[in-house]
Amino acid sequence: MNLATFIAVAALAVIISLAVAYIVREKRRGVKCIGCPLADSCTKYGSPKRKMHHSKTQSQ
């Protein structure tokens, strides 16, 4: 394995590790729709703050 391959593999490992850490952290906070900008106030998963956030998925 040459140096360029090692650097590429290391960079991918760091990116994947950071993504997994983010998902674990958000799940511990109780977020159901990770990545959704309105996940904290989504009525689909029990929070009464907003209504009809997922109206497209509910009507289909």
N, C-alpha and C. Protein backbone atom coordinates (compact mmCIF):
# COMPACT_ATOMS: atom_id res chain seq x y z
N MET A 1 0.86 -1.17 0.00
CA MET A 1 0.00 0.00 0.00
C MET A 1 0.91 1.23 0.00
N ASN A 2 0.71 2.09 -1.00
CA ASN A 2 1.54 3.28 -1.06
C ASN A 2 0.94 4.40 -0.20
N LEU A 3 1.63 5.51 -0.11
CA LEU A 3 1.25 6.61 0.77
C LEU A 3 -0.09 7.23 0.36
N ALA A 4 -0.34 7.39 -0.91
CA ALA A 4 -1.59 7.98 -1.38
C ALA A 4 -2.79 7.11 -1.00
N THR A 5 -2.65 5.82 -1.14
CA THR A 5 -3.73 4.90 -0.77
C THR A 5 -3.97 4.95 0.74
N PHE A 6 -2.91 4.98 1.50
CA PHE A 6 -3.04 5.06 2.96
C PHE A 6 -3.76 6.34 3.39
N ILE A 7 -3.41 7.46 2.78
CA ILE A 7 -4.05 8.73 3.11
C ILE A 7 -5.54 8.69 2.74
N ALA A 8 -5.87 8.12 1.60
CA ALA A 8 -7.27 8.03 1.17
C ALA A 8 -8.07 7.14 2.12
N VAL A 9 -7.52 6.03 2.51
CA VAL A 9 -8.20 5.12 3.43
C VAL A 9 -8.37 5.78 4.79
N ALA A 10 -7.36 6.48 5.26
CA ALA A 10 -7.44 7.17 6.55
C ALA A 10 -8.49 8.27 6.51
N ALA A 11 -8.56 9.01 5.42
CA ALA A 11 -9.56 10.07 5.29
C ALA A 11 -10.97 9.49 5.29
N LEU A 12 -11.18 8.40 4.57
CA LEU A 12 -12.49 7.75 4.57
C LEU A 12 -12.86 7.23 5.95
N ALA A 13 -11.89 6.68 6.66
CA ALA A 13 -12.15 6.17 8.01
C ALA A 13 -12.56 7.31 8.95
N VAL A 14 -11.91 8.45 8.82
CA VAL A 14 -12.26 9.61 9.66
C VAL A 14 -13.67 10.10 9.33
N ILE A 15 -14.01 10.19 8.05
CA ILE A 15 -15.34 10.65 7.65
C ILE A 15 -16.42 9.70 8.15
N ILE A 16 -16.21 8.42 7.99
CA ILE A 16 -17.19 7.44 8.45
C ILE A 16 -17.32 7.47 9.97
N SER A 17 -16.21 7.60 10.67
CA SER A 17 -16.25 7.67 12.13
C SER A 17 -17.03 8.89 12.61
N LEU A 18 -16.81 10.02 11.98
CA LEU A 18 -17.53 11.24 12.36
C LEU A 18 -19.03 11.11 12.07
N ALA A 19 -19.38 10.48 10.97
CA ALA A 19 -20.80 10.28 10.64
C ALA A 19 -21.48 9.37 11.65
N VAL A 20 -20.82 8.30 12.02
CA VAL A 20 -21.39 7.37 13.01
C VAL A 20 -21.51 8.05 14.36
N ALA A 21 -20.52 8.83 14.76
CA ALA A 21 -20.59 9.55 16.03
C ALA A 21 -21.75 10.54 16.03
N TYR A 22 -21.98 11.21 14.93
CA TYR A 22 -23.10 12.16 14.83
C TYR A 22 -24.43 11.43 14.97
N ILE A 23 -24.58 10.30 14.31
CA ILE A 23 -25.83 9.53 14.38
C ILE A 23 -26.07 9.04 15.81
N VAL A 24 -25.04 8.53 16.46
CA VAL A 24 -25.19 8.04 17.83
C VAL A 24 -25.57 9.20 18.77
N ARG A 25 -24.92 10.33 18.61
CA ARG A 25 -25.21 11.49 19.45
C ARG A 25 -26.66 11.96 19.27
N GLU A 26 -27.13 12.01 18.04
CA GLU A 26 -28.50 12.44 17.78
C GLU A 26 -29.52 11.43 18.30
N LYS A 27 -29.23 10.15 18.18
CA LYS A 27 -30.14 9.13 18.71
C LYS A 27 -30.23 9.21 20.23
N ARG A 28 -29.13 9.51 20.89
CA ARG A 28 -29.16 9.67 22.34
C ARG A 28 -30.00 10.87 22.76
N ARG A 29 -30.03 11.91 21.91
CA ARG A 29 -30.86 13.07 22.18
C ARG A 29 -32.34 12.79 21.93
N GLY A 30 -32.64 11.68 21.26
CA GLY A 30 -34.02 11.32 21.01
C GLY A 30 -34.56 11.76 19.67
N VAL A 31 -33.71 12.20 18.77
CA VAL A 31 -34.14 12.65 17.44
C VAL A 31 -34.50 11.43 16.61
N LYS A 32 -35.68 11.45 16.01
CA LYS A 32 -36.13 10.31 15.21
C LYS A 32 -35.73 10.46 13.74
N CYS A 33 -35.88 11.66 13.20
CA CYS A 33 -35.55 11.93 11.79
C CYS A 33 -34.20 12.66 11.73
N ILE A 34 -33.12 11.94 11.80
CA ILE A 34 -31.81 12.58 11.78
C ILE A 34 -31.59 13.21 10.41
N GLY A 35 -31.21 14.46 10.42
CA GLY A 35 -30.99 15.19 9.18
C GLY A 35 -32.16 16.06 8.78
N CYS A 36 -33.32 15.83 9.35
CA CYS A 36 -34.49 16.64 9.06
C CYS A 36 -34.37 17.95 9.81
N PRO A 37 -34.54 19.10 9.15
CA PRO A 37 -34.39 20.37 9.85
C PRO A 37 -35.46 20.61 10.91
N LEU A 38 -36.59 19.94 10.84
CA LEU A 38 -37.66 20.12 11.81
C LEU A 38 -37.83 18.90 12.71
N ALA A 39 -36.79 18.11 12.87
CA ALA A 39 -36.88 16.86 13.62
C ALA A 39 -37.29 17.08 15.08
N ASP A 40 -36.88 18.20 15.68
CA ASP A 40 -37.22 18.44 17.07
C ASP A 40 -38.69 18.79 17.27
N SER A 41 -39.37 19.24 16.22
CA SER A 41 -40.75 19.67 16.37
C SER A 41 -41.70 18.91 15.45
N CYS A 42 -41.35 17.71 15.11
CA CYS A 42 -42.12 16.91 14.16
C CYS A 42 -43.29 16.22 14.86
N THR A 43 -44.50 16.38 14.34
CA THR A 43 -45.67 15.73 14.94
C THR A 43 -45.75 14.26 14.59
N LYS A 44 -45.08 13.84 13.53
CA LYS A 44 -45.12 12.43 13.14
C LYS A 44 -44.53 11.54 14.23
N TYR A 45 -43.57 12.05 14.97
CA TYR A 45 -42.91 11.25 15.99
C TYR A 45 -43.18 11.75 17.40
N GLY A 46 -44.32 12.42 17.61
CA GLY A 46 -44.77 12.67 18.96
C GLY A 46 -44.64 14.06 19.52
N SER A 47 -43.98 14.98 18.87
CA SER A 47 -43.88 16.33 19.41
C SER A 47 -45.03 17.18 18.89
N PRO A 48 -45.76 17.86 19.76
CA PRO A 48 -46.93 18.63 19.34
C PRO A 48 -46.64 20.04 18.87
N LYS A 49 -45.38 20.43 18.70
CA LYS A 49 -45.05 21.81 18.38
C LYS A 49 -45.49 22.24 16.98
N ARG A 50 -45.33 21.38 15.99
CA ARG A 50 -45.67 21.71 14.61
C ARG A 50 -46.67 20.70 14.08
N LYS A 51 -47.43 21.12 13.07
CA LYS A 51 -48.39 20.21 12.47
C LYS A 51 -48.10 20.04 10.99
N MET A 52 -48.34 18.86 10.50
CA MET A 52 -48.27 18.52 9.08
C MET A 52 -46.87 18.69 8.48
N HIS A 53 -45.83 18.41 9.23
CA HIS A 53 -44.49 18.47 8.67
C HIS A 53 -44.30 17.41 7.60
N HIS A 54 -44.77 16.22 7.86
CA HIS A 54 -44.63 15.11 6.92
C HIS A 54 -45.92 14.89 6.16
N SER A 55 -46.53 15.95 5.68
CA SER A 55 -47.83 15.82 5.02
C SER A 55 -47.74 15.01 3.73
N LYS A 56 -46.63 15.09 3.03
CA LYS A 56 -46.48 14.32 1.80
C LYS A 56 -46.44 12.83 2.08
N THR A 57 -45.72 12.44 3.12
CA THR A 57 -45.61 11.01 3.41
C THR A 57 -46.88 10.47 4.07
N GLN A 58 -47.63 11.34 4.75
CA GLN A 58 -48.86 10.87 5.40
C GLN A 58 -49.97 10.67 4.39
N SER A 59 -50.01 11.48 3.33
CA SER A 59 -51.11 11.39 2.38
C SER A 59 -50.91 10.29 1.34
N GLN A 60 -49.70 9.77 1.22
CA GLN A 60 -49.45 8.75 0.20
C GLN A 60 -49.70 7.37 0.72
